[in-house]
N, C-alpha and C. Protein backbone atom coordinates (compact mmCIF):
# COMPACT_ATOMS: atom_id res chain seq x y z
N UNK A 1 3.24 -1.30 17.28
CA UNK A 1 2.09 -1.29 16.40
C UNK A 1 0.86 -1.71 17.20
N UNK A 2 -0.28 -1.26 16.75
CA UNK A 2 -1.56 -1.56 17.38
C UNK A 2 -2.29 -2.66 16.60
N UNK A 3 -3.20 -3.36 17.30
CA UNK A 3 -4.08 -4.35 16.67
C UNK A 3 -5.43 -4.32 17.37
N UNK A 4 -6.46 -4.67 16.62
CA UNK A 4 -7.82 -4.77 17.16
C UNK A 4 -8.19 -6.24 17.28
N UNK A 5 -8.55 -6.67 18.49
CA UNK A 5 -9.03 -8.03 18.72
C UNK A 5 -10.54 -7.97 18.90
N UNK A 6 -11.24 -8.65 18.02
CA UNK A 6 -12.70 -8.71 18.06
C UNK A 6 -13.06 -10.07 18.64
N UNK A 7 -13.52 -10.07 19.89
CA UNK A 7 -13.68 -11.29 20.65
C UNK A 7 -15.12 -11.81 20.61
N UNK A 8 -15.26 -13.01 20.07
CA UNK A 8 -16.51 -13.80 20.12
C UNK A 8 -17.76 -13.09 19.62
N UNK A 9 -17.61 -12.31 18.57
CA UNK A 9 -18.79 -11.71 17.95
C UNK A 9 -19.40 -12.75 17.01
N UNK A 10 -19.94 -13.78 17.64
CA UNK A 10 -20.45 -14.96 16.95
C UNK A 10 -21.95 -15.08 17.14
N UNK A 11 -22.57 -15.80 16.24
CA UNK A 11 -24.04 -15.90 16.24
C UNK A 11 -24.59 -16.42 17.56
N UNK A 12 -23.94 -17.40 18.18
CA UNK A 12 -24.47 -17.93 19.44
C UNK A 12 -24.43 -16.91 20.58
N UNK A 13 -23.59 -15.89 20.47
CA UNK A 13 -23.51 -14.86 21.51
C UNK A 13 -24.31 -13.61 21.17
N UNK A 14 -24.49 -13.30 19.88
CA UNK A 14 -25.07 -12.02 19.49
C UNK A 14 -26.51 -12.16 18.98
N UNK A 15 -26.80 -13.18 18.21
CA UNK A 15 -28.16 -13.35 17.67
C UNK A 15 -29.17 -13.59 18.79
N UNK A 16 -30.38 -13.10 18.59
CA UNK A 16 -31.45 -13.28 19.58
C UNK A 16 -31.67 -14.75 19.93
N UNK A 17 -31.54 -15.62 18.93
CA UNK A 17 -31.77 -17.05 19.13
C UNK A 17 -30.48 -17.80 19.47
N UNK A 18 -29.40 -17.08 19.73
CA UNK A 18 -28.12 -17.71 20.03
C UNK A 18 -28.18 -18.56 21.30
N UNK A 19 -27.36 -19.59 21.34
CA UNK A 19 -27.36 -20.54 22.46
C UNK A 19 -26.94 -19.91 23.78
N UNK A 20 -26.13 -18.86 23.73
CA UNK A 20 -25.67 -18.16 24.94
C UNK A 20 -25.68 -16.66 24.66
N UNK A 21 -26.82 -16.18 24.20
CA UNK A 21 -26.94 -14.80 23.73
C UNK A 21 -26.71 -13.77 24.82
N UNK A 22 -26.09 -12.69 24.44
CA UNK A 22 -25.93 -11.54 25.33
C UNK A 22 -27.11 -10.58 25.18
N UNK A 23 -28.03 -10.92 24.27
CA UNK A 23 -29.25 -10.13 24.10
C UNK A 23 -28.99 -8.72 23.61
N UNK A 24 -29.83 -7.77 24.04
CA UNK A 24 -29.71 -6.39 23.57
C UNK A 24 -28.33 -5.77 23.84
N UNK A 25 -27.67 -6.16 24.93
CA UNK A 25 -26.35 -5.60 25.23
C UNK A 25 -25.36 -5.94 24.13
N UNK A 26 -25.40 -7.16 23.64
CA UNK A 26 -24.51 -7.58 22.57
C UNK A 26 -24.86 -6.94 21.24
N UNK A 27 -26.14 -6.84 20.96
CA UNK A 27 -26.59 -6.21 19.72
C UNK A 27 -26.16 -4.74 19.66
N UNK A 28 -26.19 -4.10 20.82
CA UNK A 28 -25.91 -2.66 20.91
C UNK A 28 -24.47 -2.31 20.52
N UNK A 29 -23.52 -3.22 20.66
CA UNK A 29 -22.11 -2.90 20.41
C UNK A 29 -21.67 -3.14 18.96
N UNK A 30 -22.52 -3.76 18.16
CA UNK A 30 -22.14 -4.14 16.79
C UNK A 30 -21.72 -2.92 15.96
N UNK A 31 -22.52 -1.87 15.98
CA UNK A 31 -22.22 -0.68 15.18
C UNK A 31 -20.89 -0.04 15.60
N UNK A 32 -20.65 0.02 16.90
CA UNK A 32 -19.39 0.58 17.40
C UNK A 32 -18.21 -0.25 16.89
N UNK A 33 -18.34 -1.57 16.93
CA UNK A 33 -17.26 -2.45 16.47
C UNK A 33 -17.03 -2.28 14.97
N UNK A 34 -18.11 -2.12 14.21
CA UNK A 34 -17.95 -1.86 12.77
C UNK A 34 -17.13 -0.59 12.55
N UNK A 35 -17.45 0.45 13.30
CA UNK A 35 -16.75 1.73 13.17
C UNK A 35 -15.27 1.57 13.51
N UNK A 36 -14.96 0.92 14.62
CA UNK A 36 -13.57 0.74 15.03
C UNK A 36 -12.82 -0.16 14.03
N UNK A 37 -13.46 -1.15 13.51
CA UNK A 37 -12.84 -2.03 12.52
C UNK A 37 -12.43 -1.21 11.30
N UNK A 38 -13.31 -0.36 10.84
CA UNK A 38 -12.99 0.50 9.69
C UNK A 38 -11.83 1.44 9.99
N UNK A 39 -11.80 2.02 11.20
CA UNK A 39 -10.71 2.92 11.58
C UNK A 39 -9.37 2.18 11.60
N UNK A 40 -9.36 0.98 12.15
CA UNK A 40 -8.11 0.21 12.21
C UNK A 40 -7.68 -0.22 10.80
N UNK A 41 -8.63 -0.56 9.95
CA UNK A 41 -8.29 -0.94 8.57
C UNK A 41 -7.67 0.23 7.82
N UNK A 42 -8.24 1.43 8.02
CA UNK A 42 -7.72 2.62 7.34
C UNK A 42 -6.25 2.88 7.70
N UNK A 43 -5.86 2.50 8.91
CA UNK A 43 -4.47 2.70 9.36
C UNK A 43 -3.62 1.46 9.10
N UNK A 44 -4.20 0.46 8.48
CA UNK A 44 -3.50 -0.79 8.13
C UNK A 44 -3.01 -1.54 9.37
N UNK A 45 -3.76 -1.43 10.47
CA UNK A 45 -3.46 -2.19 11.68
C UNK A 45 -4.13 -3.56 11.58
N UNK A 46 -3.53 -4.58 12.16
CA UNK A 46 -4.13 -5.92 12.11
C UNK A 46 -5.50 -5.98 12.79
N UNK A 47 -6.40 -6.71 12.14
CA UNK A 47 -7.73 -7.01 12.67
C UNK A 47 -7.74 -8.51 12.94
N UNK A 48 -8.03 -8.90 14.17
CA UNK A 48 -8.00 -10.31 14.54
C UNK A 48 -9.34 -10.68 15.15
N UNK A 49 -10.00 -11.63 14.51
CA UNK A 49 -11.27 -12.16 15.01
C UNK A 49 -10.94 -13.36 15.90
N UNK A 50 -11.36 -13.28 17.15
CA UNK A 50 -11.17 -14.37 18.10
C UNK A 50 -12.50 -15.11 18.20
N UNK A 51 -12.47 -16.41 17.92
CA UNK A 51 -13.72 -17.16 17.79
C UNK A 51 -13.77 -18.38 18.69
N UNK A 52 -14.70 -18.37 19.63
CA UNK A 52 -14.99 -19.54 20.44
C UNK A 52 -15.30 -20.68 19.49
N UNK A 53 -14.76 -21.87 19.74
CA UNK A 53 -14.92 -22.98 18.80
C UNK A 53 -14.74 -24.28 19.58
N UNK A 54 -15.85 -24.85 20.03
CA UNK A 54 -15.81 -26.00 20.94
C UNK A 54 -16.10 -27.32 20.25
N UNK A 55 -15.61 -28.39 20.87
CA UNK A 55 -16.01 -29.75 20.51
C UNK A 55 -17.37 -30.02 21.16
N UNK A 56 -18.09 -31.01 20.65
CA UNK A 56 -19.44 -31.29 21.16
C UNK A 56 -19.44 -31.70 22.64
N UNK A 57 -18.37 -32.31 23.09
CA UNK A 57 -18.31 -32.80 24.48
C UNK A 57 -17.40 -31.95 25.36
N UNK A 58 -17.22 -30.69 25.01
CA UNK A 58 -16.32 -29.80 25.74
C UNK A 58 -16.73 -29.71 27.21
N UNK A 59 -15.74 -29.77 28.09
CA UNK A 59 -15.99 -29.68 29.54
C UNK A 59 -16.57 -28.33 29.95
N UNK A 60 -16.39 -27.29 29.12
CA UNK A 60 -16.98 -25.99 29.44
C UNK A 60 -18.50 -26.09 29.54
N UNK A 61 -19.06 -27.09 28.87
CA UNK A 61 -20.52 -27.24 28.87
C UNK A 61 -21.04 -27.78 30.20
N UNK A 62 -20.14 -28.09 31.14
CA UNK A 62 -20.57 -28.41 32.50
C UNK A 62 -21.01 -27.13 33.21
N UNK A 63 -20.52 -25.98 32.72
CA UNK A 63 -20.83 -24.70 33.34
C UNK A 63 -21.80 -23.85 32.51
N UNK A 64 -21.69 -23.96 31.20
CA UNK A 64 -22.50 -23.14 30.29
C UNK A 64 -23.21 -24.05 29.30
N UNK A 65 -24.35 -23.61 28.77
CA UNK A 65 -25.03 -24.42 27.75
C UNK A 65 -24.12 -24.61 26.53
N UNK A 66 -24.25 -25.73 25.83
CA UNK A 66 -23.45 -25.92 24.62
C UNK A 66 -23.64 -24.74 23.66
N UNK A 67 -22.50 -24.22 23.16
CA UNK A 67 -22.51 -23.05 22.29
C UNK A 67 -21.27 -23.08 21.41
N UNK A 68 -21.35 -22.40 20.29
CA UNK A 68 -20.20 -22.23 19.38
C UNK A 68 -19.50 -23.56 19.09
N UNK A 69 -20.28 -24.58 18.82
CA UNK A 69 -19.72 -25.88 18.48
C UNK A 69 -19.16 -25.81 17.06
N UNK A 70 -17.92 -26.30 16.91
CA UNK A 70 -17.22 -26.23 15.62
C UNK A 70 -18.11 -26.70 14.48
N UNK A 71 -18.16 -25.90 13.43
CA UNK A 71 -18.92 -26.25 12.23
C UNK A 71 -20.39 -25.90 12.27
N UNK A 72 -20.89 -25.38 13.39
CA UNK A 72 -22.30 -25.02 13.47
C UNK A 72 -22.51 -23.57 13.08
N UNK A 73 -23.74 -23.24 12.77
CA UNK A 73 -24.12 -21.86 12.44
C UNK A 73 -23.77 -20.91 13.59
N UNK A 74 -23.98 -21.37 14.82
CA UNK A 74 -23.72 -20.54 15.99
C UNK A 74 -22.27 -20.15 16.19
N UNK A 75 -21.36 -20.90 15.58
CA UNK A 75 -19.93 -20.61 15.73
C UNK A 75 -19.43 -19.63 14.67
N UNK A 76 -20.31 -19.14 13.82
CA UNK A 76 -19.92 -18.23 12.74
C UNK A 76 -19.92 -16.77 13.19
N UNK A 77 -18.99 -15.99 12.64
CA UNK A 77 -18.93 -14.55 12.90
C UNK A 77 -20.22 -13.93 12.36
N UNK A 78 -20.80 -12.99 13.12
CA UNK A 78 -22.05 -12.37 12.69
C UNK A 78 -21.87 -11.67 11.34
N UNK A 79 -22.93 -11.65 10.57
CA UNK A 79 -22.88 -11.09 9.20
C UNK A 79 -22.54 -9.61 9.17
N UNK A 80 -22.93 -8.87 10.21
CA UNK A 80 -22.68 -7.43 10.23
C UNK A 80 -21.19 -7.09 10.25
N UNK A 81 -20.37 -8.02 10.67
CA UNK A 81 -18.92 -7.82 10.69
C UNK A 81 -18.33 -8.63 9.55
N UNK A 82 -17.79 -7.96 8.60
CA UNK A 82 -17.32 -8.65 7.40
C UNK A 82 -15.81 -8.87 7.47
N UNK A 83 -15.44 -10.14 7.49
CA UNK A 83 -14.03 -10.50 7.47
C UNK A 83 -13.49 -10.18 6.07
N UNK A 84 -12.34 -9.53 6.04
CA UNK A 84 -11.72 -9.14 4.76
C UNK A 84 -10.38 -9.83 4.62
N UNK A 85 -9.89 -9.87 3.38
CA UNK A 85 -8.55 -10.41 3.13
C UNK A 85 -7.56 -9.68 4.02
N UNK A 86 -6.68 -10.43 4.63
CA UNK A 86 -5.69 -9.85 5.52
C UNK A 86 -6.09 -9.92 6.99
N UNK A 87 -7.38 -10.08 7.27
CA UNK A 87 -7.82 -10.26 8.65
C UNK A 87 -7.40 -11.66 9.11
N UNK A 88 -7.16 -11.80 10.38
CA UNK A 88 -6.77 -13.09 10.96
C UNK A 88 -7.92 -13.62 11.78
N UNK A 89 -8.16 -14.93 11.68
CA UNK A 89 -9.16 -15.60 12.52
C UNK A 89 -8.41 -16.58 13.41
N UNK A 90 -8.64 -16.46 14.71
CA UNK A 90 -8.04 -17.35 15.70
C UNK A 90 -9.19 -18.08 16.39
N UNK A 91 -9.18 -19.40 16.33
CA UNK A 91 -10.19 -20.19 17.03
C UNK A 91 -9.64 -20.61 18.38
N UNK A 92 -10.51 -20.55 19.38
CA UNK A 92 -10.09 -20.89 20.75
C UNK A 92 -11.12 -21.81 21.39
N UNK A 93 -10.66 -22.56 22.40
CA UNK A 93 -11.56 -23.45 23.13
C UNK A 93 -11.72 -23.04 24.59
N UNK A 94 -10.98 -22.05 25.02
CA UNK A 94 -11.06 -21.58 26.40
C UNK A 94 -11.31 -20.09 26.42
N UNK A 95 -11.43 -19.52 27.61
CA UNK A 95 -11.80 -18.11 27.73
C UNK A 95 -10.79 -17.17 27.09
N UNK A 96 -9.53 -17.37 27.37
CA UNK A 96 -8.50 -16.46 26.87
C UNK A 96 -8.18 -16.74 25.41
N UNK A 97 -8.03 -15.66 24.64
CA UNK A 97 -7.64 -15.78 23.23
C UNK A 97 -6.20 -16.26 23.08
N UNK A 98 -5.43 -16.21 24.16
CA UNK A 98 -4.03 -16.63 24.12
C UNK A 98 -3.85 -18.11 24.46
N UNK A 99 -4.74 -18.66 25.27
CA UNK A 99 -4.56 -20.01 25.77
C UNK A 99 -4.73 -21.05 24.65
N UNK A 100 -3.66 -21.77 24.36
CA UNK A 100 -3.71 -22.84 23.37
C UNK A 100 -3.83 -22.38 21.93
N UNK A 101 -3.50 -21.10 21.67
CA UNK A 101 -3.59 -20.57 20.30
C UNK A 101 -2.23 -19.98 19.91
N UNK A 102 -2.12 -19.55 18.66
CA UNK A 102 -0.88 -18.91 18.20
C UNK A 102 -1.00 -17.38 18.20
N UNK A 103 -1.92 -16.83 18.98
CA UNK A 103 -2.15 -15.38 18.98
C UNK A 103 -0.89 -14.60 19.37
N UNK A 104 -0.22 -14.99 20.44
CA UNK A 104 0.97 -14.26 20.87
C UNK A 104 2.04 -14.28 19.77
N UNK A 105 2.28 -15.41 19.17
CA UNK A 105 3.25 -15.54 18.08
C UNK A 105 2.86 -14.64 16.91
N UNK A 106 1.59 -14.67 16.53
CA UNK A 106 1.10 -13.84 15.42
C UNK A 106 1.33 -12.35 15.71
N UNK A 107 0.95 -11.91 16.91
CA UNK A 107 1.11 -10.50 17.26
C UNK A 107 2.57 -10.08 17.24
N UNK A 108 3.43 -10.90 17.79
CA UNK A 108 4.86 -10.57 17.83
C UNK A 108 5.47 -10.54 16.43
N UNK A 109 5.04 -11.46 15.56
CA UNK A 109 5.53 -11.46 14.18
C UNK A 109 5.12 -10.18 13.45
N UNK A 110 3.96 -9.65 13.80
CA UNK A 110 3.47 -8.41 13.19
C UNK A 110 4.04 -7.16 13.86
N UNK A 111 4.77 -7.33 14.94
CA UNK A 111 5.34 -6.18 15.65
C UNK A 111 4.34 -5.46 16.53
N UNK A 112 3.26 -6.14 16.91
CA UNK A 112 2.22 -5.53 17.74
C UNK A 112 2.65 -5.55 19.20
N UNK A 113 2.53 -4.40 19.86
CA UNK A 113 2.80 -4.32 21.28
C UNK A 113 1.65 -3.67 22.05
N UNK A 114 0.63 -3.26 21.32
CA UNK A 114 -0.54 -2.61 21.92
C UNK A 114 -1.80 -3.17 21.27
N UNK A 115 -2.71 -3.67 22.12
CA UNK A 115 -3.95 -4.24 21.58
C UNK A 115 -5.16 -3.50 22.13
N UNK A 116 -6.20 -3.50 21.31
CA UNK A 116 -7.49 -2.93 21.66
C UNK A 116 -8.51 -4.06 21.61
N UNK A 117 -9.32 -4.16 22.67
CA UNK A 117 -10.29 -5.24 22.78
C UNK A 117 -11.72 -4.74 22.62
N UNK A 118 -12.49 -5.52 21.87
CA UNK A 118 -13.94 -5.34 21.76
C UNK A 118 -14.55 -6.74 21.74
N UNK A 119 -15.84 -6.82 22.05
CA UNK A 119 -16.53 -8.09 21.94
C UNK A 119 -17.23 -8.51 23.21
N UNK A 120 -17.46 -9.82 23.32
CA UNK A 120 -18.20 -10.41 24.43
C UNK A 120 -17.45 -11.64 24.94
N UNK A 121 -17.74 -12.04 26.06
CA UNK A 121 -18.42 -11.43 27.19
C UNK A 121 -17.38 -10.73 28.06
N UNK A 122 -17.69 -9.54 28.51
CA UNK A 122 -16.78 -8.71 29.26
C UNK A 122 -16.13 -9.47 30.41
N UNK A 123 -16.94 -10.15 31.20
CA UNK A 123 -16.48 -10.80 32.42
C UNK A 123 -15.90 -12.19 32.20
N UNK A 124 -15.87 -12.65 30.97
CA UNK A 124 -15.33 -13.98 30.71
C UNK A 124 -14.19 -13.84 29.70
N UNK A 125 -14.49 -13.91 28.43
CA UNK A 125 -13.43 -13.97 27.42
C UNK A 125 -12.66 -12.66 27.27
N UNK A 126 -13.32 -11.54 27.42
CA UNK A 126 -12.60 -10.26 27.32
C UNK A 126 -11.67 -10.12 28.53
N UNK A 127 -12.16 -10.38 29.72
CA UNK A 127 -11.36 -10.26 30.94
C UNK A 127 -10.14 -11.19 30.91
N UNK A 128 -10.34 -12.44 30.56
CA UNK A 128 -9.21 -13.39 30.61
C UNK A 128 -8.23 -13.18 29.46
N UNK A 129 -8.71 -12.66 28.36
CA UNK A 129 -7.79 -12.28 27.28
C UNK A 129 -6.95 -11.08 27.73
N UNK A 130 -7.59 -10.12 28.37
CA UNK A 130 -6.87 -8.95 28.88
C UNK A 130 -5.82 -9.37 29.91
N UNK A 131 -6.18 -10.28 30.80
CA UNK A 131 -5.23 -10.73 31.83
C UNK A 131 -4.02 -11.40 31.20
N UNK A 132 -4.24 -12.30 30.26
CA UNK A 132 -3.11 -12.97 29.61
C UNK A 132 -2.27 -11.99 28.81
N UNK A 133 -2.92 -11.05 28.15
CA UNK A 133 -2.17 -10.04 27.38
C UNK A 133 -1.28 -9.21 28.29
N UNK A 134 -1.79 -8.81 29.43
CA UNK A 134 -0.98 -8.03 30.38
C UNK A 134 0.17 -8.88 30.91
N UNK A 135 -0.09 -10.16 31.19
CA UNK A 135 0.97 -11.05 31.66
C UNK A 135 2.05 -11.26 30.61
N UNK A 136 1.70 -11.06 29.35
CA UNK A 136 2.65 -11.17 28.25
C UNK A 136 3.25 -9.81 27.87
N UNK A 137 2.96 -8.79 28.68
CA UNK A 137 3.54 -7.45 28.56
C UNK A 137 3.00 -6.62 27.40
N UNK A 138 1.79 -6.92 26.94
CA UNK A 138 1.15 -6.06 25.96
C UNK A 138 0.50 -4.88 26.67
N UNK A 139 0.46 -3.74 25.99
CA UNK A 139 -0.36 -2.62 26.45
C UNK A 139 -1.78 -2.96 26.00
N UNK A 140 -2.72 -2.90 26.94
CA UNK A 140 -4.09 -3.33 26.65
C UNK A 140 -5.05 -2.16 26.85
N UNK A 141 -5.85 -1.93 25.80
CA UNK A 141 -6.91 -0.93 25.82
C UNK A 141 -8.23 -1.65 25.59
N UNK A 142 -9.25 -1.25 26.33
CA UNK A 142 -10.56 -1.86 26.18
C UNK A 142 -11.55 -0.76 25.82
N UNK A 143 -12.20 -0.92 24.67
CA UNK A 143 -13.22 0.05 24.27
C UNK A 143 -14.50 -0.25 25.05
N UNK A 144 -14.82 0.61 26.02
CA UNK A 144 -15.98 0.40 26.88
C UNK A 144 -17.28 0.29 26.06
N UNK A 145 -17.39 1.08 24.99
CA UNK A 145 -18.59 1.03 24.15
C UNK A 145 -18.64 -0.21 23.26
N UNK A 146 -17.55 -0.98 23.24
CA UNK A 146 -17.46 -2.11 22.34
C UNK A 146 -17.47 -3.46 23.02
N UNK A 147 -17.85 -3.49 24.31
CA UNK A 147 -17.91 -4.76 25.03
C UNK A 147 -19.27 -4.92 25.70
N UNK A 148 -19.65 -6.17 25.94
CA UNK A 148 -20.95 -6.45 26.55
C UNK A 148 -20.94 -7.82 27.20
N UNK A 149 -21.93 -8.04 28.06
CA UNK A 149 -22.12 -9.32 28.73
C UNK A 149 -23.60 -9.58 28.92
N UNK A 150 -23.93 -10.80 29.25
CA UNK A 150 -25.32 -11.12 29.59
C UNK A 150 -25.59 -10.85 31.07
N UNK A 151 -24.56 -10.40 31.80
CA UNK A 151 -24.67 -10.12 33.23
C UNK A 151 -24.08 -8.73 33.49
N UNK A 152 -24.94 -7.73 33.67
CA UNK A 152 -24.49 -6.34 33.81
C UNK A 152 -23.61 -6.13 35.04
N UNK A 153 -23.95 -6.77 36.15
CA UNK A 153 -23.14 -6.62 37.36
C UNK A 153 -21.73 -7.19 37.15
N UNK A 154 -21.63 -8.34 36.52
CA UNK A 154 -20.33 -8.95 36.23
C UNK A 154 -19.57 -8.11 35.21
N UNK A 155 -20.28 -7.51 34.26
CA UNK A 155 -19.67 -6.62 33.27
C UNK A 155 -18.97 -5.46 33.98
N UNK A 156 -19.66 -4.83 34.91
CA UNK A 156 -19.09 -3.69 35.65
C UNK A 156 -17.90 -4.12 36.50
N UNK A 157 -18.01 -5.29 37.15
CA UNK A 157 -16.90 -5.81 37.94
C UNK A 157 -15.67 -6.02 37.05
N UNK A 158 -15.88 -6.64 35.90
CA UNK A 158 -14.76 -6.94 34.99
C UNK A 158 -14.08 -5.66 34.50
N UNK A 159 -14.86 -4.63 34.22
CA UNK A 159 -14.26 -3.34 33.81
C UNK A 159 -13.34 -2.81 34.92
N UNK A 160 -13.82 -2.84 36.15
CA UNK A 160 -13.02 -2.36 37.28
C UNK A 160 -11.77 -3.22 37.45
N UNK A 161 -11.92 -4.52 37.32
CA UNK A 161 -10.79 -5.45 37.46
C UNK A 161 -9.74 -5.21 36.38
N UNK A 162 -10.18 -5.03 35.15
CA UNK A 162 -9.24 -4.78 34.06
C UNK A 162 -8.48 -3.47 34.28
N UNK A 163 -9.17 -2.47 34.79
CA UNK A 163 -8.53 -1.18 35.00
C UNK A 163 -7.65 -1.17 36.25
N UNK A 164 -8.20 -1.56 37.39
CA UNK A 164 -7.46 -1.40 38.64
C UNK A 164 -6.44 -2.49 38.91
N UNK A 165 -6.74 -3.72 38.58
CA UNK A 165 -5.82 -4.82 38.88
C UNK A 165 -4.86 -5.08 37.72
N UNK A 166 -5.39 -5.08 36.49
CA UNK A 166 -4.57 -5.43 35.34
C UNK A 166 -3.85 -4.23 34.71
N UNK A 167 -4.33 -3.03 34.99
CA UNK A 167 -3.69 -1.85 34.42
C UNK A 167 -4.06 -1.59 32.97
N UNK A 168 -5.21 -2.09 32.57
CA UNK A 168 -5.69 -1.83 31.20
C UNK A 168 -6.23 -0.40 31.14
N UNK A 169 -6.17 0.18 29.96
CA UNK A 169 -6.80 1.48 29.72
C UNK A 169 -8.22 1.23 29.25
N UNK A 170 -9.18 1.76 29.96
CA UNK A 170 -10.58 1.66 29.53
C UNK A 170 -10.87 2.96 28.78
N UNK A 171 -11.11 2.84 27.48
CA UNK A 171 -11.27 4.02 26.63
C UNK A 171 -12.66 4.09 26.04
């Protein structure tokens, strides 16, 4: 079975005033993600929202500005993407959606063996989620039109890495 993972489509990453905004690149992928979400819903495939969710003193803030702090407006899924009954929300504190979460267990319980990735940031959370998924033997597809980063050069590198090193399908 297939599943759609929507990674970090949160206000701090997508809104213009977000703490770690991807700017126009992030805004540009919203409509594509809406379309893919509807397609997956029509086929009754699982929709999983992966949400960065940090403590105020998270060590990640040594590298990046504080963002997506639990309970803040910035940690909320953007309004354009509407969570529906049956959708799963997984909160994470690290780059990979698998690290320290029950994502693998959830996917296996649902019989999912193939995942499709959309969201931000290509070179951080999308890349490391793809790497962990491949290490767990999932077939991984990445919708090129559905991912973005605040760093275009790193975005392109991550696409190549996911395809050539990890064996992901870039679709």
